[in-house]
Each structure stands twice: as C-alpha cells, then as structure tokens.
Amino acid sequence: MNKSELIEKIVTKFAQVSRKDTELIVNTIFDSMIEALKKGERIEIRGFGSFHIRTRKAREGRNPKSGQAVHVPEKKVPFFKVGRGLKERINLPPLPASGSGTEQT
C-alpha cells in the first residue's frame, strides 16, 4: 500500500471527510513523524510499532565497478521495530469470505 492508496481507503471509509482534507491529514502525520525523527525523538504507536534513528558508523567500502576503496561517511538511518499487537494481528487466521457457500440450510 502506498500513500495514495491509504488516502483512498480513508476517503472510502469516512465519506464525510473530503479527499483534500484526508490528504492534508495524512501529510501532516507523516511530516510530524519526519520532524520528530530529525530531532532524534522516538515515535511509538502502541499496538503498531516504534520508529527511531540508528547511526551507522563511517567505514571503508568498495566501488563495485572499479573495486577502488571508497570512504562511506557516518549517517543516520530510520529504524522500525514491529509492536507485539501488529505481530499478533498479522498471524491471525484469515477471516472467512462472505458468501462462501458454507451456510447451512
């Protein structure tokens, strides 16, 4: 699922909210998360997971084309840790499809 699909799903579920407002809300949430991570803050969404920044140390790498040694500087990367609630929900058996013909008469 990408951002536009997420917006579409919200618009479908909440018809009283316009597409423009939904897009603004989703963008505000993502922008707020990005700003928090830039500041080094941890983001925790209970039942879903948490985001934080990890620092990768500087190292010597290799240019795959020439094989020449290249210095790779230290950098910050976002890291996501899945929450227990999300793990449990993903591993639940799928719901039976409606109208599957298993009804008794």
PDB file of N, CA and C in Angstrom:
ATOM      1  N   MET A   1       0.848  -1.176   0.000  1.00  0.00           N
ATOM      2  CA  MET A   1       0.000   0.000   0.000  1.00  0.00           C
ATOM      3  C   MET A   1       0.892   1.236   0.000  1.00  0.00           C
ATOM      4  N   ASN A   2       0.575   2.176  -0.878  1.00  0.00           N
ATOM      5  CA  ASN A   2       1.323   3.430  -0.878  1.00  0.00           C
ATOM      6  C   ASN A   2       0.440   4.546  -0.301  1.00  0.00           C
ATOM      7  N   LYS A   3       0.977   5.763  -0.268  1.00  0.00           N
ATOM      8  CA  LYS A   3       0.267   6.863   0.376  1.00  0.00           C
ATOM      9  C   LYS A   3      -1.065   7.168  -0.309  1.00  0.00           C
ATOM     10  N   SER A   4      -1.108   7.170  -1.624  1.00  0.00           N
ATOM     11  CA  SER A   4      -2.360   7.472  -2.320  1.00  0.00           C
ATOM     12  C   SER A   4      -3.404   6.385  -2.067  1.00  0.00           C
ATOM     13  N   GLU A   5      -2.980   5.132  -1.954  1.00  0.00           N
ATOM     14  CA  GLU A   5      -3.915   4.053  -1.637  1.00  0.00           C
ATOM     15  C   GLU A   5      -4.448   4.194  -0.215  1.00  0.00           C
ATOM     16  N   LEU A   6      -3.594   4.622   0.703  1.00  0.00           N
ATOM     17  CA  LEU A   6      -4.016   4.871   2.081  1.00  0.00           C
ATOM     18  C   LEU A   6      -5.066   5.979   2.125  1.00  0.00           C
ATOM     19  N   ILE A   7      -4.811   7.066   1.412  1.00  0.00           N
ATOM     20  CA  ILE A   7      -5.763   8.179   1.353  1.00  0.00           C
ATOM     21  C   ILE A   7      -7.087   7.697   0.775  1.00  0.00           C
ATOM     22  N   GLU A   8      -7.041   6.913  -0.289  1.00  0.00           N
ATOM     23  CA  GLU A   8      -8.251   6.388  -0.924  1.00  0.00           C
ATOM     24  C   GLU A   8      -9.050   5.520   0.044  1.00  0.00           C
ATOM     25  N   LYS A   9      -8.361   4.686   0.811  1.00  0.00           N
ATOM     26  CA  LYS A   9      -9.030   3.808   1.771  1.00  0.00           C
ATOM     27  C   LYS A   9      -9.730   4.625   2.858  1.00  0.00           C
ATOM     28  N   ILE A  10      -9.087   5.681   3.331  1.00  0.00           N
ATOM     29  CA  ILE A  10      -9.687   6.542   4.352  1.00  0.00           C
ATOM     30  C   ILE A  10     -10.907   7.262   3.783  1.00  0.00           C
ATOM     31  N   VAL A  11     -10.786   7.803   2.568  1.00  0.00           N
ATOM     32  CA  VAL A  11     -11.901   8.503   1.924  1.00  0.00           C
ATOM     33  C   VAL A  11     -13.091   7.550   1.751  1.00  0.00           C
ATOM     34  N   THR A  12     -12.827   6.306   1.379  1.00  0.00           N
ATOM     35  CA  THR A  12     -13.890   5.324   1.189  1.00  0.00           C
ATOM     36  C   THR A  12     -14.579   5.000   2.512  1.00  0.00           C
ATOM     37  N   LYS A  13     -13.790   4.878   3.578  1.00  0.00           N
ATOM     38  CA  LYS A  13     -14.338   4.502   4.884  1.00  0.00           C
ATOM     39  C   LYS A  13     -15.054   5.663   5.568  1.00  0.00           C
ATOM     40  N   PHE A  14     -14.568   6.886   5.368  1.00  0.00           N
ATOM     41  CA  PHE A  14     -15.147   8.071   6.007  1.00  0.00           C
ATOM     42  C   PHE A  14     -15.593   9.049   4.932  1.00  0.00           C
ATOM     43  N   ALA A  15     -16.756   8.810   4.381  1.00  0.00           N
ATOM     44  CA  ALA A  15     -17.270   9.608   3.264  1.00  0.00           C
ATOM     45  C   ALA A  15     -17.483  11.075   3.633  1.00  0.00           C
ATOM     46  N   GLN A  16     -17.666  11.377   4.921  1.00  0.00           N
ATOM     47  CA  GLN A  16     -17.913  12.752   5.334  1.00  0.00           C
ATOM     48  C   GLN A  16     -16.647  13.619   5.295  1.00  0.00           C
ATOM     49  N   VAL A  17     -15.486  12.997   5.150  1.00  0.00           N
ATOM     50  CA  VAL A  17     -14.220  13.737   5.077  1.00  0.00           C
ATOM     51  C   VAL A  17     -13.800  13.816   3.608  1.00  0.00           C
ATOM     52  N   SER A  18     -13.508  15.021   3.148  1.00  0.00           N
ATOM     53  CA  SER A  18     -13.149  15.193   1.735  1.00  0.00           C
ATOM     54  C   SER A  18     -11.771  14.610   1.445  1.00  0.00           C
ATOM     55  N   ARG A  19     -11.535  14.332   0.180  1.00  0.00           N
ATOM     56  CA  ARG A  19     -10.231  13.802  -0.243  1.00  0.00           C
ATOM     57  C   ARG A  19      -9.125  14.808   0.092  1.00  0.00           C
ATOM     58  N   LYS A  20      -9.394  16.091  -0.133  1.00  0.00           N
ATOM     59  CA  LYS A  20      -8.391  17.128   0.130  1.00  0.00           C
ATOM     60  C   LYS A  20      -8.035  17.182   1.614  1.00  0.00           C
ATOM     61  N   ASP A  21      -9.055  17.105   2.493  1.00  0.00           N
ATOM     62  CA  ASP A  21      -8.804  17.104   3.934  1.00  0.00           C
ATOM     63  C   ASP A  21      -8.055  15.846   4.365  1.00  0.00           C
ATOM     64  N   THR A  22      -8.429  14.702   3.786  1.00  0.00           N
ATOM     65  CA  THR A  22      -7.759  13.446   4.113  1.00  0.00           C
ATOM     66  C   THR A  22      -6.291  13.498   3.722  1.00  0.00           C
ATOM     67  N   GLU A  23      -6.013  14.032   2.537  1.00  0.00           N
ATOM     68  CA  GLU A  23      -4.629  14.155   2.083  1.00  0.00           C
ATOM     69  C   GLU A  23      -3.835  15.073   3.009  1.00  0.00           C
ATOM     70  N   LEU A  24      -4.449  16.170   3.446  1.00  0.00           N
ATOM     71  CA  LEU A  24      -3.801  17.102   4.366  1.00  0.00           C
ATOM     72  C   LEU A  24      -3.496  16.424   5.702  1.00  0.00           C
ATOM     73  N   ILE A  25      -4.443  15.632   6.198  1.00  0.00           N
ATOM     74  CA  ILE A  25      -4.251  14.930   7.470  1.00  0.00           C
ATOM     75  C   ILE A  25      -3.105  13.925   7.364  1.00  0.00           C
ATOM     76  N   VAL A  26      -3.116  13.110   6.321  1.00  0.00           N
ATOM     77  CA  VAL A  26      -2.072  12.087   6.143  1.00  0.00           C
ATOM     78  C   VAL A  26      -0.705  12.753   5.988  1.00  0.00           C
ATOM     79  N   ASN A  27      -0.620  13.811   5.178  1.00  0.00           N
ATOM     80  CA  ASN A  27       0.656  14.513   5.000  1.00  0.00           C
ATOM     81  C   ASN A  27       1.132  15.147   6.306  1.00  0.00           C
ATOM     82  N   THR A  28       0.212  15.685   7.103  1.00  0.00           N
ATOM     83  CA  THR A  28       0.572  16.285   8.394  1.00  0.00           C
ATOM     84  C   THR A  28       1.135  15.231   9.337  1.00  0.00           C
ATOM     85  N   ILE A  29       0.518  14.054   9.361  1.00  0.00           N
ATOM     86  CA  ILE A  29       1.012  12.966  10.220  1.00  0.00           C
ATOM     87  C   ILE A  29       2.418  12.567   9.803  1.00  0.00           C
ATOM     88  N   PHE A  30       2.624  12.328   8.508  1.00  0.00           N
ATOM     89  CA  PHE A  30       3.949  11.910   8.039  1.00  0.00           C
ATOM     90  C   PHE A  30       4.994  13.006   8.259  1.00  0.00           C
ATOM     91  N   ASP A  31       4.639  14.262   7.990  1.00  0.00           N
ATOM     92  CA  ASP A  31       5.576  15.370   8.202  1.00  0.00           C
ATOM     93  C   ASP A  31       5.956  15.489   9.675  1.00  0.00           C
ATOM     94  N   SER A  32       4.978  15.298  10.566  1.00  0.00           N
ATOM     95  CA  SER A  32       5.255  15.358  12.007  1.00  0.00           C
ATOM     96  C   SER A  32       6.195  14.240  12.432  1.00  0.00           C
ATOM     97  N   MET A  33       6.006  13.052  11.860  1.00  0.00           N
ATOM     98  CA  MET A  33       6.877  11.927  12.182  1.00  0.00           C
ATOM     99  C   MET A  33       8.300  12.191  11.696  1.00  0.00           C
ATOM    100  N   ILE A  34       8.420  12.737  10.498  1.00  0.00           N
ATOM    101  CA  ILE A  34       9.745  13.048   9.950  1.00  0.00           C
ATOM    102  C   ILE A  34      10.455  14.075  10.809  1.00  0.00           C
ATOM    103  N   GLU A  35       9.746  15.121  11.207  1.00  0.00           N
ATOM    104  CA  GLU A  35      10.352  16.167  12.047  1.00  0.00           C
ATOM    105  C   GLU A  35      10.805  15.601  13.391  1.00  0.00           C
ATOM    106  N   ALA A  36       9.989  14.739  13.987  1.00  0.00           N
ATOM    107  CA  ALA A  36      10.359  14.121  15.261  1.00  0.00           C
ATOM    108  C   ALA A  36      11.633  13.286  15.109  1.00  0.00           C
ATOM    109  N   LEU A  37      11.720  12.496  14.037  1.00  0.00           N
ATOM    110  CA  LEU A  37      12.919  11.683  13.817  1.00  0.00           C
ATOM    111  C   LEU A  37      14.135  12.552  13.558  1.00  0.00           C
ATOM    112  N   LYS A  38      13.959  13.661  12.825  1.00  0.00           N
ATOM    113  CA  LYS A  38      15.074  14.581  12.583  1.00  0.00           C
ATOM    114  C   LYS A  38      15.636  15.127  13.890  1.00  0.00           C
ATOM    115  N   LYS A  39      14.745  15.354  14.874  1.00  0.00           N
ATOM    116  CA  LYS A  39      15.161  15.873  16.179  1.00  0.00           C
ATOM    117  C   LYS A  39      15.745  14.777  17.068  1.00  0.00           C
ATOM    118  N   GLY A  40      15.712  13.543  16.588  1.00  0.00           N
ATOM    119  CA  GLY A  40      16.244  12.433  17.375  1.00  0.00           C
ATOM    120  C   GLY A  40      15.223  11.843  18.329  1.00  0.00           C
ATOM    121  N   GLU A  41      13.966  12.231  18.181  1.00  0.00           N
ATOM    122  CA  GLU A  41      12.924  11.713  19.055  1.00  0.00           C
ATOM    123  C   GLU A  41      12.483  10.327  18.600  1.00  0.00           C
ATOM    124  N   ARG A  42      11.966   9.564  19.533  1.00  0.00           N
ATOM    125  CA  ARG A  42      11.444   8.222  19.254  1.00  0.00           C
ATOM    126  C   ARG A  42       9.940   8.345  19.068  1.00  0.00           C
ATOM    127  N   ILE A  43       9.397   7.603  18.116  1.00  0.00           N
ATOM    128  CA  ILE A  43       7.956   7.603  17.864  1.00  0.00           C
ATOM    129  C   ILE A  43       7.429   6.226  18.218  1.00  0.00           C
ATOM    130  N   GLU A  44       6.418   6.187  19.084  1.00  0.00           N
ATOM    131  CA  GLU A  44       5.835   4.899  19.459  1.00  0.00           C
ATOM    132  C   GLU A  44       4.334   4.949  19.216  1.00  0.00           C
ATOM    133  N   ILE A  45       3.847   4.009  18.438  1.00  0.00           N
ATOM    134  CA  ILE A  45       2.421   3.879  18.175  1.00  0.00           C
ATOM    135  C   ILE A  45       2.013   2.536  18.763  1.00  0.00           C
ATOM    136  N   ARG A  46       1.351   2.578  19.906  1.00  0.00           N
ATOM    137  CA  ARG A  46       1.001   1.345  20.628  1.00  0.00           C
ATOM    138  C   ARG A  46       0.214   0.398  19.736  1.00  0.00           C
ATOM    139  N   GLY A  47       0.587  -0.861  19.802  1.00  0.00           N
ATOM    140  CA  GLY A  47      -0.084  -1.881  19.017  1.00  0.00           C
ATOM    141  C   GLY A  47       0.384  -1.939  17.573  1.00  0.00           C
ATOM    142  N   PHE A  48       1.251  -1.011  17.171  1.00  0.00           N
ATOM    143  CA  PHE A  48       1.752  -0.982  15.795  1.00  0.00           C
ATOM    144  C   PHE A  48       3.256  -1.158  15.772  1.00  0.00           C
ATOM    145  N   GLY A  49       3.970  -0.251  16.436  1.00  0.00           N
ATOM    146  CA  GLY A  49       5.421  -0.343  16.479  1.00  0.00           C
ATOM    147  C   GLY A  49       6.054   0.984  16.833  1.00  0.00           C
ATOM    148  N   SER A  50       7.368   1.025  16.736  1.00  0.00           N
ATOM    149  CA  SER A  50       8.081   2.251  17.078  1.00  0.00           C
ATOM    150  C   SER A  50       9.157   2.548  16.029  1.00  0.00           C
ATOM    151  N   PHE A  51       9.426   3.826  15.866  1.00  0.00           N
ATOM    152  CA  PHE A  51      10.448   4.304  14.947  1.00  0.00           C
ATOM    153  C   PHE A  51      11.509   5.029  15.766  1.00  0.00           C
ATOM    154  N   HIS A  52      12.755   4.833  15.408  1.00  0.00           N
ATOM    155  CA  HIS A  52      13.830   5.632  15.981  1.00  0.00           C
ATOM    156  C   HIS A  52      14.983   5.682  14.988  1.00  0.00           C
ATOM    157  N   ILE A  53      15.960   6.501  15.300  1.00  0.00           N
ATOM    158  CA  ILE A  53      17.107   6.697  14.421  1.00  0.00           C
ATOM    159  C   ILE A  53      18.285   5.875  14.934  1.00  0.00           C
ATOM    160  N   ARG A  54      18.932   5.190  14.028  1.00  0.00           N
ATOM    161  CA  ARG A  54      20.183   4.494  14.328  1.00  0.00           C
ATOM    162  C   ARG A  54      21.287   5.184  13.543  1.00  0.00           C
ATOM    163  N   THR A  55      22.464   5.221  14.122  1.00  0.00           N
ATOM    164  CA  THR A  55      23.614   5.830  13.455  1.00  0.00           C
ATOM    165  C   THR A  55      24.525   4.727  12.935  1.00  0.00           C
ATOM    166  N   ARG A  56      24.810   4.786  11.653  1.00  0.00           N
ATOM    167  CA  ARG A  56      25.775   3.848  11.056  1.00  0.00           C
ATOM    168  C   ARG A  56      27.129   4.517  11.058  1.00  0.00           C
ATOM    169  N   LYS A  57      28.117   3.823  11.557  1.00  0.00           N
ATOM    170  CA  LYS A  57      29.471   4.368  11.639  1.00  0.00           C
ATOM    171  C   LYS A  57      30.086   4.521  10.254  1.00  0.00           C
ATOM    172  N   ALA A  58      31.033   5.447  10.182  1.00  0.00           N
ATOM    173  CA  ALA A  58      31.790   5.617   8.934  1.00  0.00           C
ATOM    174  C   ALA A  58      32.575   4.326   8.676  1.00  0.00           C
ATOM    175  N   ARG A  59      32.780   4.023   7.413  1.00  0.00           N
ATOM    176  CA  ARG A  59      33.500   2.796   7.077  1.00  0.00           C
ATOM    177  C   ARG A  59      34.138   2.937   5.692  1.00  0.00           C
ATOM    178  N   GLU A  60      34.955   1.988   5.366  1.00  0.00           N
ATOM    179  CA  GLU A  60      35.540   1.930   4.033  1.00  0.00           C
ATOM    180  C   GLU A  60      34.758   0.912   3.216  1.00  0.00           C
ATOM    181  N   GLY A  61      34.258   1.345   2.073  1.00  0.00           N
ATOM    182  CA  GLY A  61      33.524   0.461   1.180  1.00  0.00           C
ATOM    183  C   GLY A  61      34.296   0.283  -0.115  1.00  0.00           C
ATOM    184  N   ARG A  62      33.690  -0.382  -1.058  1.00  0.00           N
ATOM    185  CA  ARG A  62      34.325  -0.604  -2.358  1.00  0.00           C
ATOM    186  C   ARG A  62      33.377  -0.181  -3.461  1.00  0.00           C
ATOM    187  N   ASN A  63      33.924   0.488  -4.471  1.00  0.00           N
ATOM    188  CA  ASN A  63      33.166   0.809  -5.667  1.00  0.00           C
ATOM    189  C   ASN A  63      33.007  -0.504  -6.435  1.00  0.00           C
ATOM    190  N   PRO A  64      31.784  -0.990  -6.642  1.00  0.00           N
ATOM    191  CA  PRO A  64      31.613  -2.291  -7.293  1.00  0.00           C
ATOM    192  C   PRO A  64      32.101  -2.324  -8.736  1.00  0.00           C
ATOM    193  N   LYS A  65      32.125  -1.180  -9.385  1.00  0.00           N
ATOM    194  CA  LYS A  65      32.548  -1.148 -10.784  1.00  0.00           C
ATOM    195  C   LYS A  65      34.068  -1.225 -10.915  1.00  0.00           C
ATOM    196  N   SER A  66      34.781  -0.423 -10.085  1.00  0.00           N
ATOM    197  CA  SER A  66      36.232  -0.367 -10.225  1.00  0.00           C
ATOM    198  C   SER A  66      36.974  -1.169  -9.151  1.00  0.00           C
ATOM    199  N   GLY A  67      36.271  -1.489  -8.051  1.00  0.00           N
ATOM    200  CA  GLY A  67      36.933  -2.197  -6.963  1.00  0.00           C
ATOM    201  C   GLY A  67      37.748  -1.277  -6.072  1.00  0.00           C
ATOM    202  N   GLN A  68      37.734   0.022  -6.370  1.00  0.00           N
ATOM    203  CA  GLN A  68      38.509   1.004  -5.614  1.00  0.00           C
ATOM    204  C   GLN A  68      37.867   1.250  -4.246  1.00  0.00           C
ATOM    205  N   ALA A  69      38.702   1.421  -3.206  1.00  0.00           N
ATOM    206  CA  ALA A  69      38.216   1.712  -1.860  1.00  0.00           C
ATOM    207  C   ALA A  69      37.577   3.100  -1.843  1.00  0.00           C
ATOM    208  N   VAL A  70      36.441   3.199  -1.153  1.00  0.00           N
ATOM    209  CA  VAL A  70      35.703   4.452  -1.053  1.00  0.00           C
ATOM    210  C   VAL A  70      35.332   4.676   0.403  1.00  0.00           C
ATOM    211  N   HIS A  71      35.505   5.912   0.886  1.00  0.00           N
ATOM    212  CA  HIS A  71      35.106   6.245   2.252  1.00  0.00           C
ATOM    213  C   HIS A  71      33.595   6.479   2.285  1.00  0.00           C
ATOM    214  N   VAL A  72      32.901   5.758   3.171  1.00  0.00           N
ATOM    215  CA  VAL A  72      31.456   5.950   3.362  1.00  0.00           C
ATOM    216  C   VAL A  72      31.300   6.666   4.698  1.00  0.00           C
ATOM    217  N   PRO A  73      30.777   7.906   4.693  1.00  0.00           N
ATOM    218  CA  PRO A  73      30.678   8.672   5.933  1.00  0.00           C
ATOM    219  C   PRO A  73      29.595   8.127   6.875  1.00  0.00           C
ATOM    220  N   GLU A  74      29.681   8.538   8.137  1.00  0.00           N
ATOM    221  CA  GLU A  74      28.666   8.189   9.123  1.00  0.00           C
ATOM    222  C   GLU A  74      27.327   8.758   8.663  1.00  0.00           C
ATOM    223  N   LYS A  75      26.247   8.010   8.915  1.00  0.00           N
ATOM    224  CA  LYS A  75      24.933   8.532   8.555  1.00  0.00           C
ATOM    225  C   LYS A  75      23.869   7.993   9.498  1.00  0.00           C
ATOM    226  N   LYS A  76      22.772   8.718   9.531  1.00  0.00           N
ATOM    227  CA  LYS A  76      21.629   8.319  10.356  1.00  0.00           C
ATOM    228  C   LYS A  76      20.611   7.632   9.466  1.00  0.00           C
ATOM    229  N   VAL A  77      20.023   6.534   9.975  1.00  0.00           N
ATOM    230  CA  VAL A  77      19.009   5.804   9.212  1.00  0.00           C
ATOM    231  C   VAL A  77      17.810   5.530  10.123  1.00  0.00           C
ATOM    232  N   PRO A  78      16.593   5.628   9.569  1.00  0.00           N
ATOM    233  CA  PRO A  78      15.420   5.306  10.375  1.00  0.00           C
ATOM    234  C   PRO A  78      15.322   3.798  10.584  1.00  0.00           C
ATOM    235  N   PHE A  79      14.821   3.413  11.750  1.00  0.00           N
ATOM    236  CA  PHE A  79      14.650   2.003  12.078  1.00  0.00           C
ATOM    237  C   PHE A  79      13.255   1.814  12.642  1.00  0.00           C
ATOM    238  N   PHE A  80      12.561   0.760  12.191  1.00  0.00           N
ATOM    239  CA  PHE A  80      11.214   0.448  12.667  1.00  0.00           C
ATOM    240  C   PHE A  80      11.238  -0.876  13.396  1.00  0.00           C
ATOM    241  N   LYS A  81      10.667  -0.892  14.595  1.00  0.00           N
ATOM    242  CA  LYS A  81      10.531  -2.136  15.349  1.00  0.00           C
ATOM    243  C   LYS A  81       9.042  -2.444  15.461  1.00  0.00           C
ATOM    244  N   VAL A  82       8.646  -3.605  14.990  1.00  0.00           N
ATOM    245  CA  VAL A  82       7.244  -4.012  14.983  1.00  0.00           C
ATOM    246  C   VAL A  82       6.757  -4.235  16.409  1.00  0.00           C
ATOM    247  N   GLY A  83       5.556  -3.749  16.706  1.00  0.00           N
ATOM    248  CA  GLY A  83       4.948  -3.942  18.015  1.00  0.00           C
ATOM    249  C   GLY A  83       4.300  -5.309  18.139  1.00  0.00           C
ATOM    250  N   ARG A  84       4.120  -5.746  19.371  1.00  0.00           N
ATOM    251  CA  ARG A  84       3.541  -7.062  19.631  1.00  0.00           C
ATOM    252  C   ARG A  84       2.125  -7.178  19.065  1.00  0.00           C
ATOM    253  N   GLY A  85       1.319  -6.125  19.201  1.00  0.00           N
ATOM    254  CA  GLY A  85      -0.054  -6.166  18.691  1.00  0.00           C
ATOM    255  C   GLY A  85      -0.108  -6.383  17.193  1.00  0.00           C
ATOM    256  N   LEU A  86       0.784  -5.728  16.447  1.00  0.00           N
ATOM    257  CA  LEU A  86       0.829  -5.899  14.993  1.00  0.00           C
ATOM    258  C   LEU A  86       1.267  -7.307  14.628  1.00  0.00           C
ATOM    259  N   LYS A  87       2.274  -7.822  15.317  1.00  0.00           N
ATOM    260  CA  LYS A  87       2.732  -9.192  15.060  1.00  0.00           C
ATOM    261  C   LYS A  87       1.592 -10.187  15.259  1.00  0.00           C
ATOM    262  N   GLU A  88       0.849  -9.997  16.358  1.00  0.00           N
ATOM    263  CA  GLU A  88      -0.241 -10.925  16.658  1.00  0.00           C
ATOM    264  C   GLU A  88      -1.347 -10.830  15.609  1.00  0.00           C
ATOM    265  N   ARG A  89      -1.684  -9.611  15.176  1.00  0.00           N
ATOM    266  CA  ARG A  89      -2.763  -9.441  14.198  1.00  0.00           C
ATOM    267  C   ARG A  89      -2.387  -9.997  12.829  1.00  0.00           C
ATOM    268  N   ILE A  90      -1.117  -9.884  12.461  1.00  0.00           N
ATOM    269  CA  ILE A  90      -0.668 -10.414  11.177  1.00  0.00           C
ATOM    270  C   ILE A  90      -0.766 -11.931  11.162  1.00  0.00           C
ATOM    271  N   ASN A  91      -0.531 -12.549  12.298  1.00  0.00           N
ATOM    272  CA  ASN A  91      -0.516 -14.011  12.360  1.00  0.00           C
ATOM    273  C   ASN A  91      -1.862 -14.639  12.678  1.00  0.00           C
ATOM    274  N   LEU A  92      -2.931 -13.842  12.783  1.00  0.00           N
ATOM    275  CA  LEU A  92      -4.265 -14.397  12.980  1.00  0.00           C
ATOM    276  C   LEU A  92      -4.707 -15.099  11.706  1.00  0.00           C
ATOM    277  N   PRO A  93      -5.514 -16.161  11.839  1.00  0.00           N
ATOM    278  CA  PRO A  93      -6.014 -16.806  10.618  1.00  0.00           C
ATOM    279  C   PRO A  93      -6.924 -15.831   9.865  1.00  0.00           C
ATOM    280  N   PRO A  94      -6.962 -15.919   8.542  1.00  0.00           N
ATOM    281  CA  PRO A  94      -7.794 -15.000   7.762  1.00  0.00           C
ATOM    282  C   PRO A  94      -9.278 -15.218   8.053  1.00  0.00           C
ATOM    283  N   LEU A  95     -10.041 -14.124   7.973  1.00  0.00           N
ATOM    284  CA  LEU A  95     -11.484 -14.217   8.165  1.00  0.00           C
ATOM    285  C   LEU A  95     -12.105 -14.936   6.986  1.00  0.00           C
ATOM    286  N   PRO A  96     -13.149 -15.727   7.219  1.00  0.00           N
ATOM    287  CA  PRO A  96     -13.793 -16.406   6.090  1.00  0.00           C
ATOM    288  C   PRO A  96     -14.465 -15.385   5.181  1.00  0.00           C
ATOM    289  N   ALA A  97     -14.415 -15.640   3.879  1.00  0.00           N
ATOM    290  CA  ALA A  97     -15.025 -14.739   2.908  1.00  0.00           C
ATOM    291  C   ALA A  97     -16.534 -14.828   3.019  1.00  0.00           C
ATOM    292  N   SER A  98     -17.223 -13.682   2.927  1.00  0.00           N
ATOM    293  CA  SER A  98     -18.673 -13.700   2.997  1.00  0.00           C
ATOM    294  C   SER A  98     -19.240 -14.309   1.718  1.00  0.00           C
ATOM    295  N   GLY A  99     -20.334 -15.027   1.859  1.00  0.00           N
ATOM    296  CA  GLY A  99     -20.955 -15.663   0.705  1.00  0.00           C
ATOM    297  C   GLY A  99     -20.148 -16.823   0.169  1.00  0.00           C
ATOM    298  N   SER A 100     -19.420 -17.506   1.055  1.00  0.00           N
ATOM    299  CA  SER A 100     -18.567 -18.591   0.599  1.00  0.00           C
ATOM    300  C   SER A 100     -19.313 -19.883   0.327  1.00  0.00           C
ATOM    301  N   GLY A 101     -20.627 -19.892   0.656  1.00  0.00           N
ATOM    302  CA  GLY A 101     -21.415 -21.078   0.365  1.00  0.00           C
ATOM    303  C   GLY A 101     -21.316 -22.130   1.456  1.00  0.00           C
ATOM    304  N   THR A 102     -20.810 -21.767   2.635  1.00  0.00           N
ATOM    305  CA  THR A 102     -20.673 -22.739   3.722  1.00  0.00           C
ATOM    306  C   THR A 102     -21.831 -22.647   4.689  1.00  0.00           C
ATOM    307  N   GLU A 103     -22.865 -21.858   4.369  1.00  0.00           N
ATOM    308  CA  GLU A 103     -24.003 -21.715   5.255  1.00  0.00           C
ATOM    309  C   GLU A 103     -24.852 -22.969   5.204  1.00  0.00           C
ATOM    310  N   GLN A 104     -25.424 -23.319   6.354  1.00  0.00           N
ATOM    311  CA  GLN A 104     -26.293 -24.487   6.415  1.00  0.00           C
ATOM    312  C   GLN A 104     -27.729 -24.054   6.243  1.00  0.00           C
ATOM    313  N   THR A 105     -28.557 -24.863   5.599  1.00  0.00           N
ATOM    314  CA  THR A 105     -29.972 -24.542   5.413  1.00  0.00           C
ATOM    315  C   THR A 105     -30.853 -25.533   6.100  1.00  0.00           C
TER     316      THR A 105
END
